[in-house]
Amino acid sequence: FALKGWRDAKIENAAIFLHGDTATTTGNVILTDKDGNVTKVDKTWTFLKDADGTMRIMAHHSSLPYTPGSPVTEEEVLAAQKGWGDALVKIATTYDEKGFDAAKAEAEAVIDGGYGYQIAPVLFKPTLTTGDQVFRTTREG
């Protein structure tokens, strides 16, 4: 990152917290490269004054700001809900026509295709669950 041809760096602190021989800052660094392109970077630093009085960086977090994806539309939500309902019916009819193993395979395909288990825990409470484990936050249950 340091080799990207930066020509200017401006610090914009949102906050500075001073505490004895330490200080923590958070805010942005606005960088301009040799072609005039500007990059905004989120920064958090913690500084410590050493025994000689020199300020030392003790913690440094740097990231590009969050860029949200495209907003979800109502049409997309309605389509996802319809897809879920259609999938539920398909699992049930597969069970009626081909048995448990085929329905289980269909259900696994629905879980893999429609749920976000590969991204993060999912907040799912299956309809008929009871007992000690009623929520399915992982694909395995």
N, C-alpha and C. Protein backbone atom coordinates (compact mmCIF):
# COMPACT_ATOMS: atom_id res chain seq x y z
N PHE A 1 0.83 -1.20 0.00
CA PHE A 1 0.00 0.00 0.00
C PHE A 1 0.87 1.25 0.00
N ALA A 2 1.99 1.19 0.70
CA ALA A 2 2.87 2.35 0.79
C ALA A 2 3.54 2.69 -0.54
N LEU A 3 3.53 1.74 -1.49
CA LEU A 3 4.22 1.93 -2.77
C LEU A 3 3.29 2.40 -3.88
N LYS A 4 2.12 2.89 -3.56
CA LYS A 4 1.14 3.27 -4.56
C LYS A 4 1.30 4.68 -5.11
N GLY A 5 2.41 5.31 -4.87
CA GLY A 5 2.67 6.63 -5.47
C GLY A 5 1.97 7.78 -4.76
N TRP A 6 1.81 7.70 -3.47
CA TRP A 6 1.14 8.76 -2.74
C TRP A 6 1.96 10.04 -2.77
N ARG A 7 1.26 11.17 -2.91
CA ARG A 7 1.92 12.47 -2.94
C ARG A 7 1.44 13.38 -1.82
N ASP A 8 0.31 13.02 -1.19
CA ASP A 8 -0.21 13.85 -0.10
C ASP A 8 -1.01 12.97 0.84
N ALA A 9 -0.92 13.28 2.13
CA ALA A 9 -1.69 12.58 3.15
C ALA A 9 -2.23 13.61 4.14
N LYS A 10 -3.54 13.63 4.29
CA LYS A 10 -4.18 14.54 5.24
C LYS A 10 -4.90 13.71 6.29
N ILE A 11 -4.67 14.04 7.54
CA ILE A 11 -5.30 13.34 8.66
C ILE A 11 -6.55 14.11 9.06
N GLU A 12 -7.66 13.38 9.21
CA GLU A 12 -8.92 13.96 9.70
C GLU A 12 -9.36 13.14 10.90
N ASN A 13 -8.97 13.59 12.09
CA ASN A 13 -9.35 12.87 13.30
C ASN A 13 -10.81 13.12 13.64
N ALA A 14 -11.54 12.04 13.88
CA ALA A 14 -12.90 12.16 14.38
C ALA A 14 -12.88 12.29 15.89
N ALA A 15 -11.87 11.66 16.52
CA ALA A 15 -11.73 11.74 17.97
C ALA A 15 -10.30 11.45 18.36
N ILE A 16 -9.87 12.10 19.44
CA ILE A 16 -8.57 11.84 20.04
C ILE A 16 -8.82 11.62 21.53
N PHE A 17 -8.41 10.47 22.03
CA PHE A 17 -8.57 10.13 23.44
C PHE A 17 -7.19 10.13 24.08
N LEU A 18 -6.98 11.03 25.03
CA LEU A 18 -5.71 11.14 25.73
C LEU A 18 -5.84 10.52 27.11
N HIS A 19 -4.89 9.65 27.46
CA HIS A 19 -4.95 8.98 28.75
C HIS A 19 -3.54 8.72 29.25
N GLY A 20 -3.05 9.62 30.09
CA GLY A 20 -1.70 9.45 30.64
C GLY A 20 -0.65 9.44 29.55
N ASP A 21 0.12 8.33 29.47
CA ASP A 21 1.18 8.25 28.47
C ASP A 21 0.72 7.57 27.18
N THR A 22 -0.61 7.47 26.99
CA THR A 22 -1.14 6.90 25.75
C THR A 22 -2.17 7.84 25.13
N ALA A 23 -2.37 7.64 23.85
CA ALA A 23 -3.41 8.37 23.12
C ALA A 23 -3.96 7.45 22.04
N THR A 24 -5.26 7.50 21.83
CA THR A 24 -5.89 6.74 20.76
C THR A 24 -6.65 7.71 19.88
N THR A 25 -6.48 7.54 18.58
CA THR A 25 -7.18 8.39 17.62
C THR A 25 -7.97 7.51 16.66
N THR A 26 -9.03 8.06 16.15
CA THR A 26 -9.79 7.39 15.10
C THR A 26 -10.26 8.46 14.13
N GLY A 27 -10.31 8.09 12.88
CA GLY A 27 -10.72 9.03 11.84
C GLY A 27 -10.31 8.53 10.48
N ASN A 28 -9.96 9.45 9.62
CA ASN A 28 -9.62 9.10 8.24
C ASN A 28 -8.29 9.71 7.84
N VAL A 29 -7.65 9.05 6.89
CA VAL A 29 -6.51 9.62 6.19
C VAL A 29 -6.95 9.76 4.74
N ILE A 30 -6.79 10.95 4.21
CA ILE A 30 -7.13 11.22 2.81
C ILE A 30 -5.82 11.24 2.04
N LEU A 31 -5.65 10.27 1.14
CA LEU A 31 -4.41 10.13 0.38
C LEU A 31 -4.63 10.53 -1.06
N THR A 32 -3.67 11.23 -1.63
CA THR A 32 -3.72 11.59 -3.04
C THR A 32 -2.50 11.00 -3.72
N ASP A 33 -2.74 10.30 -4.85
CA ASP A 33 -1.61 9.68 -5.55
C ASP A 33 -1.05 10.62 -6.61
N LYS A 34 -0.01 10.17 -7.31
CA LYS A 34 0.69 11.00 -8.27
C LYS A 34 -0.17 11.42 -9.45
N ASP A 35 -1.30 10.71 -9.70
CA ASP A 35 -2.21 11.07 -10.78
C ASP A 35 -3.39 11.92 -10.29
N GLY A 36 -3.38 12.26 -8.99
CA GLY A 36 -4.45 13.08 -8.43
C GLY A 36 -5.63 12.28 -7.92
N ASN A 37 -5.56 10.96 -7.97
CA ASN A 37 -6.64 10.13 -7.44
C ASN A 37 -6.63 10.15 -5.92
N VAL A 38 -7.81 10.26 -5.33
CA VAL A 38 -7.94 10.37 -3.88
C VAL A 38 -8.50 9.07 -3.32
N THR A 39 -7.88 8.60 -2.22
CA THR A 39 -8.34 7.41 -1.52
C THR A 39 -8.55 7.79 -0.06
N LYS A 40 -9.71 7.45 0.46
CA LYS A 40 -10.02 7.70 1.86
C LYS A 40 -9.84 6.39 2.63
N VAL A 41 -9.09 6.44 3.72
CA VAL A 41 -8.78 5.26 4.52
C VAL A 41 -9.22 5.50 5.96
N ASP A 42 -9.96 4.53 6.53
CA ASP A 42 -10.31 4.59 7.96
C ASP A 42 -9.06 4.23 8.76
N LYS A 43 -8.78 4.99 9.81
CA LYS A 43 -7.58 4.76 10.61
C LYS A 43 -7.91 4.83 12.10
N THR A 44 -7.30 3.93 12.85
CA THR A 44 -7.28 4.02 14.31
C THR A 44 -5.85 3.73 14.74
N TRP A 45 -5.32 4.60 15.56
CA TRP A 45 -3.97 4.43 16.09
C TRP A 45 -4.02 4.54 17.62
N THR A 46 -3.16 3.78 18.28
CA THR A 46 -2.87 4.01 19.69
C THR A 46 -1.39 4.28 19.79
N PHE A 47 -1.08 5.38 20.47
CA PHE A 47 0.30 5.81 20.66
C PHE A 47 0.68 5.66 22.13
N LEU A 48 1.95 5.38 22.37
CA LEU A 48 2.50 5.29 23.71
C LEU A 48 3.79 6.10 23.74
N LYS A 49 3.93 6.93 24.76
CA LYS A 49 5.17 7.69 24.91
C LYS A 49 6.15 6.79 25.67
N ASP A 50 7.30 6.51 25.04
CA ASP A 50 8.28 5.62 25.68
C ASP A 50 9.08 6.36 26.75
N ALA A 51 10.00 5.66 27.39
CA ALA A 51 10.78 6.23 28.49
C ALA A 51 11.59 7.45 28.08
N ASP A 52 11.93 7.54 26.79
CA ASP A 52 12.69 8.70 26.29
C ASP A 52 11.78 9.83 25.83
N GLY A 53 10.46 9.63 25.93
CA GLY A 53 9.52 10.66 25.52
C GLY A 53 9.14 10.61 24.05
N THR A 54 9.57 9.57 23.34
CA THR A 54 9.25 9.42 21.92
C THR A 54 7.89 8.74 21.76
N MET A 55 7.05 9.31 20.92
CA MET A 55 5.75 8.70 20.65
C MET A 55 5.95 7.48 19.76
N ARG A 56 5.38 6.35 20.17
CA ARG A 56 5.47 5.10 19.42
C ARG A 56 4.08 4.61 19.10
N ILE A 57 3.90 4.11 17.90
CA ILE A 57 2.62 3.49 17.53
C ILE A 57 2.60 2.10 18.16
N MET A 58 1.56 1.83 18.94
CA MET A 58 1.42 0.55 19.61
C MET A 58 0.28 -0.29 19.02
N ALA A 59 -0.65 0.35 18.36
CA ALA A 59 -1.73 -0.36 17.66
C ALA A 59 -2.10 0.48 16.44
N HIS A 60 -2.34 -0.18 15.33
CA HIS A 60 -2.61 0.52 14.08
C HIS A 60 -3.61 -0.31 13.29
N HIS A 61 -4.79 0.23 13.11
CA HIS A 61 -5.81 -0.42 12.27
C HIS A 61 -6.07 0.48 11.08
N SER A 62 -6.10 -0.12 9.91
CA SER A 62 -6.32 0.62 8.68
C SER A 62 -7.22 -0.19 7.78
N SER A 63 -8.24 0.44 7.22
CA SER A 63 -9.11 -0.27 6.28
C SER A 63 -9.77 0.73 5.35
N LEU A 64 -10.13 0.22 4.19
CA LEU A 64 -10.91 1.05 3.28
C LEU A 64 -12.33 1.10 3.82
N PRO A 65 -13.01 2.23 3.70
CA PRO A 65 -14.37 2.35 4.24
C PRO A 65 -15.31 1.31 3.63
N TYR A 66 -16.28 0.91 4.42
CA TYR A 66 -17.31 -0.01 3.96
C TYR A 66 -18.05 0.59 2.77
N THR A 67 -18.18 -0.21 1.74
CA THR A 67 -18.95 0.19 0.57
C THR A 67 -20.14 -0.74 0.47
N PRO A 68 -21.32 -0.24 0.75
CA PRO A 68 -22.48 -1.13 0.73
C PRO A 68 -22.77 -1.65 -0.67
N GLY A 69 -23.32 -2.84 -0.72
CA GLY A 69 -23.76 -3.39 -1.99
C GLY A 69 -25.02 -2.67 -2.45
N SER A 70 -25.61 -3.19 -3.48
CA SER A 70 -26.82 -2.56 -3.96
C SER A 70 -27.96 -2.79 -2.96
N PRO A 71 -28.83 -1.82 -2.78
CA PRO A 71 -29.91 -1.96 -1.82
C PRO A 71 -30.87 -3.09 -2.23
N VAL A 72 -31.43 -3.75 -1.22
CA VAL A 72 -32.41 -4.80 -1.46
C VAL A 72 -33.73 -4.13 -1.84
N THR A 73 -34.39 -4.68 -2.86
CA THR A 73 -35.69 -4.14 -3.27
C THR A 73 -36.80 -5.03 -2.74
N GLU A 74 -37.99 -4.48 -2.66
CA GLU A 74 -39.15 -5.26 -2.23
C GLU A 74 -39.41 -6.40 -3.21
N GLU A 75 -39.21 -6.15 -4.49
CA GLU A 75 -39.41 -7.20 -5.49
C GLU A 75 -38.47 -8.38 -5.26
N GLU A 76 -37.22 -8.08 -4.89
CA GLU A 76 -36.26 -9.15 -4.60
C GLU A 76 -36.69 -9.96 -3.38
N VAL A 77 -37.19 -9.28 -2.36
CA VAL A 77 -37.67 -9.97 -1.16
C VAL A 77 -38.84 -10.87 -1.51
N LEU A 78 -39.79 -10.36 -2.25
CA LEU A 78 -40.96 -11.15 -2.63
C LEU A 78 -40.57 -12.36 -3.48
N ALA A 79 -39.61 -12.17 -4.37
CA ALA A 79 -39.14 -13.28 -5.20
C ALA A 79 -38.43 -14.34 -4.35
N ALA A 80 -37.64 -13.90 -3.37
CA ALA A 80 -36.95 -14.84 -2.49
C ALA A 80 -37.95 -15.62 -1.65
N GLN A 81 -38.98 -14.95 -1.17
CA GLN A 81 -40.01 -15.63 -0.38
C GLN A 81 -40.77 -16.64 -1.24
N LYS A 82 -41.10 -16.28 -2.46
CA LYS A 82 -41.78 -17.20 -3.36
C LYS A 82 -40.89 -18.40 -3.66
N GLY A 83 -39.60 -18.13 -3.90
CA GLY A 83 -38.66 -19.22 -4.15
C GLY A 83 -38.58 -20.18 -2.98
N TRP A 84 -38.61 -19.66 -1.76
CA TRP A 84 -38.59 -20.51 -0.58
C TRP A 84 -39.85 -21.38 -0.53
N GLY A 85 -41.02 -20.76 -0.76
CA GLY A 85 -42.28 -21.51 -0.75
C GLY A 85 -42.31 -22.59 -1.82
N ASP A 86 -41.86 -22.24 -3.03
CA ASP A 86 -41.80 -23.22 -4.12
C ASP A 86 -40.87 -24.38 -3.75
N ALA A 87 -39.74 -24.06 -3.09
CA ALA A 87 -38.79 -25.09 -2.70
C ALA A 87 -39.39 -26.01 -1.64
N LEU A 88 -40.14 -25.46 -0.71
CA LEU A 88 -40.78 -26.27 0.32
C LEU A 88 -41.75 -27.27 -0.31
N VAL A 89 -42.55 -26.78 -1.27
CA VAL A 89 -43.49 -27.66 -1.97
C VAL A 89 -42.74 -28.73 -2.75
N LYS A 90 -41.62 -28.37 -3.37
CA LYS A 90 -40.84 -29.34 -4.14
C LYS A 90 -40.26 -30.43 -3.23
N ILE A 91 -39.79 -30.05 -2.05
CA ILE A 91 -39.28 -31.05 -1.10
C ILE A 91 -40.40 -32.02 -0.73
N ALA A 92 -41.58 -31.49 -0.43
CA ALA A 92 -42.72 -32.34 -0.04
C ALA A 92 -43.16 -33.27 -1.16
N THR A 93 -43.25 -32.74 -2.39
CA THR A 93 -43.68 -33.60 -3.50
C THR A 93 -42.60 -34.61 -3.87
N THR A 94 -41.34 -34.24 -3.71
CA THR A 94 -40.26 -35.20 -3.94
C THR A 94 -40.35 -36.34 -2.93
N TYR A 95 -40.66 -36.02 -1.70
CA TYR A 95 -40.83 -37.05 -0.68
C TYR A 95 -41.98 -37.99 -1.04
N ASP A 96 -43.11 -37.41 -1.46
CA ASP A 96 -44.28 -38.23 -1.84
C ASP A 96 -43.97 -39.14 -3.02
N GLU A 97 -43.23 -38.62 -3.99
CA GLU A 97 -43.00 -39.36 -5.23
C GLU A 97 -41.76 -40.24 -5.21
N LYS A 98 -40.71 -39.84 -4.45
CA LYS A 98 -39.43 -40.55 -4.54
C LYS A 98 -38.88 -41.01 -3.20
N GLY A 99 -39.51 -40.62 -2.10
CA GLY A 99 -39.07 -41.08 -0.80
C GLY A 99 -38.15 -40.12 -0.06
N PHE A 100 -37.78 -40.57 1.15
CA PHE A 100 -37.02 -39.74 2.08
C PHE A 100 -35.66 -39.32 1.54
N ASP A 101 -34.88 -40.25 1.00
CA ASP A 101 -33.52 -39.92 0.56
C ASP A 101 -33.52 -38.85 -0.53
N ALA A 102 -34.47 -38.96 -1.47
CA ALA A 102 -34.56 -37.96 -2.54
C ALA A 102 -35.00 -36.61 -1.97
N ALA A 103 -35.93 -36.63 -1.01
CA ALA A 103 -36.40 -35.38 -0.39
C ALA A 103 -35.28 -34.73 0.42
N LYS A 104 -34.49 -35.55 1.10
CA LYS A 104 -33.36 -35.03 1.87
C LYS A 104 -32.34 -34.37 0.95
N ALA A 105 -32.06 -35.00 -0.17
CA ALA A 105 -31.13 -34.41 -1.15
C ALA A 105 -31.68 -33.08 -1.68
N GLU A 106 -32.96 -33.03 -1.95
CA GLU A 106 -33.60 -31.79 -2.41
C GLU A 106 -33.50 -30.71 -1.34
N ALA A 107 -33.77 -31.09 -0.08
CA ALA A 107 -33.70 -30.13 1.03
C ALA A 107 -32.27 -29.59 1.19
N GLU A 108 -31.28 -30.46 1.05
CA GLU A 108 -29.89 -30.01 1.15
C GLU A 108 -29.54 -29.03 0.03
N ALA A 109 -30.07 -29.28 -1.15
CA ALA A 109 -29.83 -28.36 -2.27
C ALA A 109 -30.49 -27.00 -2.00
N VAL A 110 -31.67 -27.04 -1.40
CA VAL A 110 -32.36 -25.79 -1.05
C VAL A 110 -31.56 -25.03 0.00
N ILE A 111 -31.09 -25.74 1.03
CA ILE A 111 -30.31 -25.09 2.09
C ILE A 111 -29.04 -24.47 1.51
N ASP A 112 -28.33 -25.22 0.67
CA ASP A 112 -27.09 -24.72 0.09
C ASP A 112 -27.32 -23.55 -0.87
N GLY A 113 -28.43 -23.57 -1.58
CA GLY A 113 -28.70 -22.54 -2.56
C GLY A 113 -29.38 -21.30 -2.02
N GLY A 114 -30.14 -21.45 -0.93
CA GLY A 114 -30.95 -20.33 -0.47
C GLY A 114 -30.53 -19.70 0.84
N TYR A 115 -29.83 -20.45 1.66
CA TYR A 115 -29.44 -19.94 2.98
C TYR A 115 -27.98 -19.49 2.95
N GLY A 116 -27.61 -18.61 3.87
CA GLY A 116 -26.27 -18.03 3.88
C GLY A 116 -25.30 -18.70 4.82
N TYR A 117 -25.43 -20.02 5.03
CA TYR A 117 -24.52 -20.71 5.96
C TYR A 117 -23.05 -20.59 5.56
N GLN A 118 -22.75 -20.43 4.28
CA GLN A 118 -21.37 -20.30 3.84
C GLN A 118 -20.81 -18.91 4.15
N ILE A 119 -21.68 -17.98 4.56
CA ILE A 119 -21.26 -16.61 4.85
C ILE A 119 -21.10 -16.38 6.35
N ALA A 120 -22.12 -16.82 7.12
CA ALA A 120 -22.15 -16.54 8.56
C ALA A 120 -23.23 -17.41 9.20
N PRO A 121 -23.31 -17.42 10.53
CA PRO A 121 -24.42 -18.14 11.16
C PRO A 121 -25.76 -17.61 10.67
N VAL A 122 -26.71 -18.51 10.51
CA VAL A 122 -28.04 -18.16 10.03
C VAL A 122 -29.01 -18.23 11.20
N LEU A 123 -29.88 -17.27 11.30
CA LEU A 123 -30.88 -17.23 12.37
C LEU A 123 -32.12 -17.99 11.89
N PHE A 124 -32.12 -19.32 12.09
CA PHE A 124 -33.17 -20.20 11.57
C PHE A 124 -33.70 -21.05 12.69
N LYS A 125 -35.01 -21.00 12.89
CA LYS A 125 -35.69 -21.86 13.83
C LYS A 125 -36.71 -22.66 13.02
N PRO A 126 -36.38 -23.91 12.68
CA PRO A 126 -37.32 -24.72 11.91
C PRO A 126 -38.66 -24.85 12.64
N THR A 127 -39.72 -24.95 11.88
CA THR A 127 -41.09 -24.90 12.39
C THR A 127 -41.38 -25.93 13.47
N LEU A 128 -40.99 -27.16 13.28
CA LEU A 128 -41.39 -28.23 14.20
C LEU A 128 -40.32 -28.64 15.20
N THR A 129 -39.29 -27.83 15.39
CA THR A 129 -38.23 -28.20 16.32
C THR A 129 -38.67 -28.01 17.76
N THR A 130 -38.18 -28.90 18.61
CA THR A 130 -38.42 -28.81 20.06
C THR A 130 -37.18 -29.33 20.77
N GLY A 131 -37.16 -29.23 22.08
CA GLY A 131 -36.07 -29.80 22.85
C GLY A 131 -34.95 -28.83 23.09
N ASP A 132 -33.76 -29.39 23.28
CA ASP A 132 -32.60 -28.58 23.65
C ASP A 132 -32.06 -27.75 22.49
N GLN A 133 -32.19 -28.22 21.27
CA GLN A 133 -31.65 -27.49 20.12
C GLN A 133 -32.79 -27.17 19.15
N VAL A 134 -33.27 -25.94 19.25
CA VAL A 134 -34.38 -25.55 18.37
C VAL A 134 -33.95 -24.60 17.26
N PHE A 135 -32.72 -24.11 17.33
CA PHE A 135 -32.24 -23.18 16.31
C PHE A 135 -31.16 -23.85 15.49
N ARG A 136 -31.13 -23.51 14.20
CA ARG A 136 -30.14 -24.10 13.29
C ARG A 136 -29.27 -22.96 12.77
N THR A 137 -28.22 -22.64 13.50
CA THR A 137 -27.36 -21.53 13.10
C THR A 137 -26.26 -21.97 12.14
N THR A 138 -26.02 -23.29 12.06
CA THR A 138 -25.05 -23.81 11.09
C THR A 138 -25.76 -24.80 10.16
N ARG A 139 -25.17 -25.09 9.04
CA ARG A 139 -25.78 -26.02 8.09
C ARG A 139 -26.02 -27.38 8.74
N GLU A 140 -25.10 -27.81 9.59
CA GLU A 140 -25.21 -29.11 10.23
C GLU A 140 -26.30 -29.15 11.29
N GLY A 141 -26.75 -28.00 11.72
CA GLY A 141 -27.82 -27.97 12.71
C GLY A 141 -27.33 -27.53 14.03
